[in-house]
Protein backbone atom coordinates (compact mmCIF):
# COMPACT_ATOMS: atom_id res chain seq x y z
CA UNK A 1 196.63 117.86 100.93
CA UNK A 2 194.91 119.86 98.20
CA UNK A 3 193.97 123.53 98.60
CA UNK A 4 190.92 124.89 96.78
CA UNK A 5 190.78 128.63 96.13
CA UNK A 6 187.17 129.62 95.62
CA UNK A 7 184.93 132.66 95.42
CA UNK A 8 181.45 132.20 96.89
CA UNK A 9 178.48 134.32 95.80
CA UNK A 10 175.30 134.74 97.81
CA UNK A 11 172.17 136.80 97.21
CA UNK A 12 169.58 136.46 99.94
CA UNK A 13 165.84 136.92 100.03
CA UNK A 14 166.18 140.20 101.96
CA UNK A 15 167.76 141.81 98.84
CA UNK A 16 170.59 143.43 100.79
CA UNK A 17 172.94 142.86 97.85
CA UNK A 18 175.45 140.36 96.50
CA UNK A 19 177.94 138.89 98.97
CA UNK A 20 181.30 138.02 97.39
CA UNK A 21 183.75 136.07 99.57
CA UNK A 22 187.12 134.51 98.78
CA UNK A 23 188.05 131.41 100.75
CA UNK A 24 190.68 128.67 100.74
CA UNK A 25 189.65 125.14 101.74
CA UNK A 26 191.86 122.21 102.65
CA UNK A 27 191.14 118.67 103.76
CA UNK A 28 193.55 116.67 105.89
CA UNK A 29 192.84 113.29 107.47
CA UNK A 30 189.18 113.68 106.58
CA UNK A 31 188.83 117.05 108.31
CA UNK A 32 187.99 120.21 106.36
CA UNK A 33 189.38 123.60 107.38
CA UNK A 34 189.13 127.01 105.77
CA UNK A 35 190.82 130.38 105.74
CA UNK A 36 188.61 133.29 104.75
CA UNK A 37 190.06 136.08 102.66
CA UNK A 38 188.63 139.35 101.40
CA UNK A 39 184.89 139.80 101.13
CA UNK A 40 182.50 142.52 100.06
CA UNK A 41 178.76 143.11 99.87
CA UNK A 42 177.73 144.99 96.74
CA UNK A 43 174.38 146.68 97.26
CA UNK A 44 171.83 146.54 94.46
CA UNK A 45 170.94 149.84 92.87
CA UNK A 46 167.26 150.72 92.93
CA UNK A 47 166.61 149.45 89.40
CA UNK A 48 168.17 146.02 89.93
CA UNK A 49 166.58 145.63 93.35
CA UNK A 50 163.16 146.36 91.89
CA UNK A 51 163.73 143.88 89.06
CA UNK A 52 164.72 141.12 91.48
CA UNK A 53 161.83 142.01 93.76
CA UNK A 54 159.27 141.91 90.93
CA UNK A 55 160.75 138.97 88.99
CA UNK A 56 157.97 136.57 90.02
CA UNK A 57 155.47 138.60 88.01
CA UNK A 58 157.63 138.81 84.87
CA UNK A 59 156.82 137.20 81.55
CA UNK A 60 158.95 134.30 80.41
CA UNK A 61 160.97 136.61 78.15
CA UNK A 62 161.47 139.22 80.89
CA UNK A 63 162.57 136.62 83.42
CA UNK A 64 164.97 135.01 80.93
CA UNK A 65 166.44 138.43 80.16
CA UNK A 66 166.89 139.19 83.87
CA UNK A 67 168.56 135.78 84.32
CA UNK A 68 171.13 136.74 81.67
CA UNK A 69 171.53 140.37 82.80
CA UNK A 70 172.05 139.34 86.41
CA UNK A 71 174.64 136.75 85.36
CA UNK A 72 176.49 139.43 83.39
CA UNK A 73 176.28 141.85 86.33
CA UNK A 74 177.69 139.22 88.71
CA UNK A 75 180.45 138.35 86.26
CA UNK A 76 181.56 141.96 85.99
CA UNK A 77 181.53 142.45 89.76
CA UNK A 78 183.50 139.24 90.40
CA UNK A 79 186.04 140.02 87.66
CA UNK A 80 186.67 143.42 89.28
CA UNK A 81 186.88 141.82 92.75
CA UNK A 82 189.53 139.34 91.54
CA UNK A 83 191.57 142.11 89.94
CA UNK A 84 191.34 144.46 92.93
CA UNK A 85 192.64 141.80 95.32
CA UNK A 86 195.07 140.07 92.96
CA UNK A 87 193.49 136.67 93.59
CA UNK A 88 194.23 133.27 92.13
CA UNK A 89 190.89 131.50 91.81
CA UNK A 90 190.15 127.87 90.95
CA UNK A 91 186.42 128.45 90.43
CA UNK A 92 183.40 130.53 91.39
CA UNK A 93 180.47 129.03 93.28
CA UNK A 94 177.18 130.92 93.06
CA UNK A 95 173.93 130.51 94.94
CA UNK A 96 172.12 132.78 92.48
CA UNK A 97 169.03 134.74 93.44
CA UNK A 98 165.88 132.80 94.30
CA UNK A 99 162.78 133.81 92.35
CA UNK A 100 160.55 130.78 92.87
CA UNK A 101 160.75 128.19 95.62
CA UNK A 102 157.79 125.80 95.73
CA UNK A 103 159.32 122.37 96.32
CA UNK A 104 155.90 120.81 96.91
CA UNK A 105 155.35 121.08 93.14
CA UNK A 106 158.98 120.39 92.25
CA UNK A 107 159.79 124.02 91.50
CA UNK A 108 162.79 126.06 92.57
CA UNK A 109 164.53 128.72 90.50
CA UNK A 110 167.71 130.67 91.22
CA UNK A 111 168.64 133.15 88.49
CA UNK A 112 172.06 134.48 87.46
CA UNK A 113 173.30 132.74 84.31
CA UNK A 114 176.41 130.65 85.02
CA UNK A 115 177.49 130.71 81.37
CA UNK A 116 177.87 134.48 81.34
CA UNK A 117 179.51 134.39 84.78
CA UNK A 118 182.08 131.88 83.49
CA UNK A 119 182.62 133.65 80.17
CA UNK A 120 183.24 137.07 81.71
CA UNK A 121 185.53 135.87 84.50
CA UNK A 122 187.17 133.07 82.47
CA UNK A 123 186.74 130.88 85.56
CA UNK A 124 184.76 127.69 86.04
CA UNK A 125 181.38 128.54 87.52
CA UNK A 126 179.30 126.20 89.70
CA UNK A 127 175.70 126.81 90.74
CA UNK A 128 172.06 125.66 90.66
CA UNK A 129 172.54 123.69 93.86
CA UNK A 130 168.87 123.20 94.81
CA UNK A 131 167.21 121.69 91.75
CA UNK A 132 168.51 118.10 91.97
CA UNK A 133 167.46 117.81 95.60
CA UNK A 134 163.95 119.05 94.74
CA UNK A 135 163.81 116.54 91.89
CA UNK A 136 164.64 113.86 94.47
CA UNK A 137 161.63 114.87 96.55
CA UNK A 138 163.50 117.21 98.88
CA UNK A 139 162.89 120.77 99.98
CA UNK A 140 166.02 121.99 98.23
CA UNK A 141 166.74 123.91 101.43
CA UNK A 142 168.43 124.66 103.62
CA UNK A 143 171.79 123.95 102.00
CA UNK A 144 174.08 125.57 104.56
CA UNK A 145 173.96 122.65 107.07
CA UNK A 146 176.61 120.60 105.25
CA UNK A 147 178.95 123.53 105.88
CA UNK A 148 177.81 123.77 109.50
CA UNK A 149 178.57 120.08 109.93
CA UNK A 150 182.00 120.09 108.30
CA UNK A 151 183.28 123.62 109.00
CA UNK A 152 181.55 124.77 112.22
CA UNK A 153 181.17 121.53 114.17
CA UNK A 154 182.34 123.14 117.44
CA UNK A 155 178.91 124.75 117.92
CA UNK A 156 175.85 122.85 119.16
CA UNK A 157 173.51 125.01 117.06
CA UNK A 158 174.11 127.18 114.02
CA UNK A 159 171.58 129.94 113.36
CA UNK A 160 171.43 132.10 110.26
CA UNK A 161 169.40 135.29 110.54
CA UNK A 162 168.84 136.41 106.97
CA UNK A 163 165.63 137.05 105.13
CA UNK A 164 164.57 133.79 106.81
CA UNK A 165 165.86 132.21 110.03
CA UNK A 166 167.19 128.70 109.65
CA UNK A 167 168.89 126.48 112.18
CA UNK A 168 171.17 123.46 112.06
CA UNK A 169 172.32 120.98 114.70
CA UNK A 170 173.72 117.48 114.98
CA UNK A 171 171.81 114.46 116.25
CA UNK A 172 172.37 111.00 114.80
CA UNK A 173 172.22 112.85 111.50
CA UNK A 174 172.43 116.54 110.67
CA UNK A 175 169.10 118.25 111.23
CA UNK A 176 168.18 121.65 109.82
CA UNK A 177 165.14 123.61 108.73
CA UNK A 178 163.71 127.08 108.26
CA UNK A 179 162.07 128.52 111.38
CA UNK A 180 160.39 131.80 110.47
CA UNK A 181 160.78 134.97 108.41
CA UNK A 182 163.20 137.60 109.71
CA UNK A 183 164.47 140.41 107.50
CA UNK A 184 161.93 139.73 104.75
CA UNK A 185 159.34 141.09 107.17
CA UNK A 186 161.39 143.51 109.30
CA UNK A 187 162.86 145.28 106.26
CA UNK A 188 159.42 145.87 104.74
CA UNK A 189 158.18 147.32 108.03
CA UNK A 190 161.29 149.50 108.35
CA UNK A 191 160.49 151.05 104.96
CA UNK A 192 157.53 152.78 106.62
CA UNK A 193 160.17 154.92 108.37
CA UNK A 194 162.14 155.54 105.18
CA UNK A 195 164.78 153.01 106.24
CA UNK A 196 165.97 149.98 104.23
CA UNK A 197 166.31 148.00 107.49
CA UNK A 198 166.02 148.40 111.25
CA UNK A 199 169.57 149.45 112.16
CA UNK A 200 170.49 147.70 115.41
CA UNK A 201 166.79 147.09 116.12
CA UNK A 202 166.31 150.69 117.27
CA UNK A 203 162.83 150.99 115.71
CA UNK A 204 161.67 147.64 117.09
CA UNK A 205 162.93 148.49 120.56
CA UNK A 206 160.59 151.50 120.70
CA UNK A 207 157.49 149.35 120.29
CA UNK A 208 155.49 147.15 122.63
CA UNK A 209 154.65 143.46 122.37
CA UNK A 210 151.02 142.86 121.48
CA UNK A 211 150.00 139.49 122.93
CA UNK A 212 147.13 139.00 120.51
CA UNK A 213 149.34 139.57 117.45
CA UNK A 214 152.05 137.35 118.95
CA UNK A 215 149.52 134.54 119.41
CA UNK A 216 148.22 134.88 115.84
CA UNK A 217 151.75 134.71 114.45
CA UNK A 218 152.49 131.68 116.60
CA UNK A 219 149.60 129.67 115.13
CA UNK A 220 150.63 130.11 111.49
CA UNK A 221 150.55 126.59 110.07
CA UNK A 222 154.25 126.57 109.21
CA UNK A 223 155.12 126.63 112.92
CA UNK A 224 153.39 123.26 113.39
CA UNK A 225 154.89 121.46 110.39
CA UNK A 226 157.54 118.82 111.14
CA UNK A 227 161.03 119.13 109.71
CA UNK A 228 162.26 119.03 107.02
CA UNK A 229 160.56 122.24 105.94
CA UNK A 230 161.50 125.44 104.14
CA UNK A 231 159.94 128.85 103.62
CA UNK A 232 159.51 130.72 100.36
CA UNK A 233 158.56 134.34 99.77
CA UNK A 234 155.24 133.21 98.30
CA UNK A 235 154.22 131.55 101.58
CA UNK A 236 155.39 134.51 103.66
CA UNK A 237 153.42 137.01 101.60
CA UNK A 238 150.29 134.87 101.85
CA UNK A 239 150.45 133.89 105.51
CA UNK A 240 152.42 136.50 107.51
CA UNK A 241 151.90 139.93 105.99
CA UNK A 242 148.07 139.74 106.10
CA UNK A 243 148.21 139.05 109.85
CA UNK A 244 150.38 142.12 110.41
CA UNK A 245 148.24 144.28 108.15
CA UNK A 246 145.03 143.21 109.91
CA UNK A 247 146.41 144.04 113.36
CA UNK A 248 145.84 147.83 113.07
CA UNK A 249 148.79 148.34 115.42
CA UNK A 250 151.47 150.98 115.00
CA UNK A 251 154.40 149.82 112.86
CA UNK A 252 156.66 150.08 115.94
CA UNK A 253 154.43 147.65 117.82
CA UNK A 254 154.23 145.31 114.82
CA UNK A 255 158.02 145.23 114.59
CA UNK A 256 158.49 144.76 118.34
CA UNK A 257 156.00 141.91 118.36
CA UNK A 258 157.54 140.28 115.32
CA UNK A 259 160.99 140.43 116.93
CA UNK A 260 159.57 138.61 119.95
CA UNK A 261 157.96 136.05 117.65
CA UNK A 262 161.32 135.45 115.94
CA UNK A 263 163.19 135.09 119.24
CA UNK A 264 160.64 132.72 120.79
CA UNK A 265 160.38 130.62 117.62
CA UNK A 266 164.15 130.18 117.43
CA UNK A 267 164.56 129.24 121.09
CA UNK A 268 161.72 126.73 120.80
CA UNK A 269 163.59 124.92 118.04
CA UNK A 270 167.20 124.67 119.24
CA UNK A 271 169.14 122.32 121.48
CA UNK A 272 170.79 123.29 124.77
CA UNK A 273 174.39 124.43 124.41
CA UNK A 274 176.19 126.96 122.23
CA UNK A 275 174.35 128.91 119.53
CA UNK A 276 176.36 130.49 116.69
CA UNK A 277 174.47 133.46 115.22
CA UNK A 278 175.36 134.77 111.76
CA UNK A 279 173.70 136.59 108.87
CA UNK A 280 172.55 140.18 108.57
CA UNK A 281 170.17 139.77 111.51
CA UNK A 282 173.15 139.14 113.82
CA UNK A 283 173.80 142.88 113.55
CA UNK A 284 170.33 143.59 114.92
CA UNK A 285 171.51 143.90 118.51
CA UNK A 286 167.98 144.17 119.88
CA UNK A 287 166.93 140.92 118.16
CA UNK A 288 170.05 139.15 119.46
CA UNK A 289 169.30 140.52 122.93
CA UNK A 290 165.79 139.04 122.81
CA UNK A 291 167.17 135.67 121.68
CA UNK A 292 169.62 135.73 124.59
CA UNK A 293 166.81 136.64 127.00
CA UNK A 294 164.64 133.74 125.86
CA UNK A 295 167.49 131.19 125.63
CA UNK A 296 167.98 129.82 129.16
CA UNK A 297 169.92 126.67 128.29
CA UNK A 298 173.08 127.85 126.63
CA UNK A 299 175.35 130.57 125.29
CA UNK A 300 174.71 132.81 122.29
CA UNK A 301 177.89 133.38 120.27
CA UNK A 302 178.14 136.27 117.81
CA UNK A 303 181.40 135.76 115.86
CA UNK A 304 183.73 138.18 114.11
CA UNK A 305 182.28 140.45 111.44
CA UNK A 306 183.71 138.46 108.52
CA UNK A 307 181.86 135.31 109.60
CA UNK A 308 178.65 137.23 110.34
CA UNK A 309 178.69 138.90 106.94
CA UNK A 310 179.98 136.13 104.73
CA UNK A 311 179.26 132.75 106.35
CA UNK A 312 176.66 131.84 103.72
CA UNK A 313 178.90 132.93 100.84
CA UNK A 314 181.77 130.94 102.38
CA UNK A 315 179.59 127.85 102.68
CA UNK A 316 178.31 128.17 99.12
CA UNK A 317 181.95 128.34 98.05
CA UNK A 318 182.39 125.09 99.99
CA UNK A 319 179.35 123.53 98.30
CA UNK A 320 181.13 124.23 95.03
CA UNK A 321 184.21 122.37 96.27
CA UNK A 322 182.11 119.37 97.22
CA UNK A 323 180.34 119.42 93.85
CA UNK A 324 183.70 119.71 92.06
CA UNK A 325 184.84 116.58 93.92
CA UNK A 326 181.48 114.85 93.35
CA UNK A 327 180.93 114.58 97.10
CA UNK A 328 177.52 115.00 98.79
CA UNK A 329 176.66 118.66 99.35
CA UNK A 330 172.96 118.31 100.05
CA UNK A 331 171.80 116.20 103.00
CA UNK A 332 168.62 114.13 102.78
CA UNK A 333 168.27 114.29 106.59
CA UNK A 334 167.86 118.05 106.19
CA UNK A 335 165.80 118.33 103.02
CA UNK A 336 163.74 115.12 103.06
CA UNK A 337 165.06 113.96 99.68
CA UNK A 338 165.35 110.28 98.78
CA UNK A 339 169.10 110.33 99.40
CA UNK A 340 172.11 112.64 99.76
CA UNK A 341 173.25 114.11 96.48
CA UNK A 342 175.96 116.23 94.92
CA UNK A 343 173.88 119.01 93.43
CA UNK A 344 175.00 121.71 91.05
CA UNK A 345 175.81 122.52 87.46
CA UNK A 346 179.45 123.05 86.40
CA UNK A 347 180.24 125.43 83.54
CA UNK A 348 183.82 125.39 82.22
CA UNK A 349 184.68 128.35 79.93
CA UNK A 350 187.54 126.48 78.25
CA UNK A 351 190.76 127.94 76.90
CA UNK A 352 190.90 130.83 74.49
CA UNK A 353 192.23 129.88 71.04
């Protein structure tokens, strides 16, 4: 029985910051288990957040420079994290930060240079998990379902509420797909009140549901597409924000209506039974309340804080383990690729002379 000691890194589309999570994975008799260790979310300062937010409009040189700078920044933060907690680490597994995701044209880009990450930490770095799947005709997303299948199999449904809501459940094969935007939209609306996000859903709870806006959100084409499917920021900016802007409603009412849209969309796409809810949106108690209200066929489970905060980082650490072992970490049943693959690039810093 081999134990793998890994640090997982996750930067989501909602730009909350970089999640760093240490985890130990073991496999016995074909069953994977994990023990989570320390974790931290390092918020982006205003300058870095603006750079990541605006990266899609950068020149080739500017984007390449940000790719390097962000890799250096991650390396320094991880090196400090290892030292602070006195950790022994086999390797680091990084999701990177998504700038472009247009799988229909074979394009997906997660920045954060692995070479600088490996050089600074002197640890093997694994990342770029999406590109091979996209090259195989897949969506390159979501990637978390392999972790849901092998690490969280006790739940009928696994829901992540991040910048985007995505779900995962088991049928004959693992099924998973993006459902709708969450914090990408709610955080932007919360900024109208001088807040980076809607703490506990307090702002949303003060608004009223507008049936006309709810109907217009519900007929966005993405809702009708069959799985596998994934959302990118480009699609959200083109198809969701204009509907909200054209509504002429108060921001409170826009947020309240969007929360209802999220809750109804999720419930329409899950199986009866238990629903594990994680991600930053799991701390939005009003949103979780609306999901519970709409979900008549099962139980909503909000786990301990460590799993809420770091489940994605833990699973990306696990994707690194699978890539290290050359085992499938990207499921064709989820992404629509030609076949399962073991995606990711491995950078080994080597020994100092």
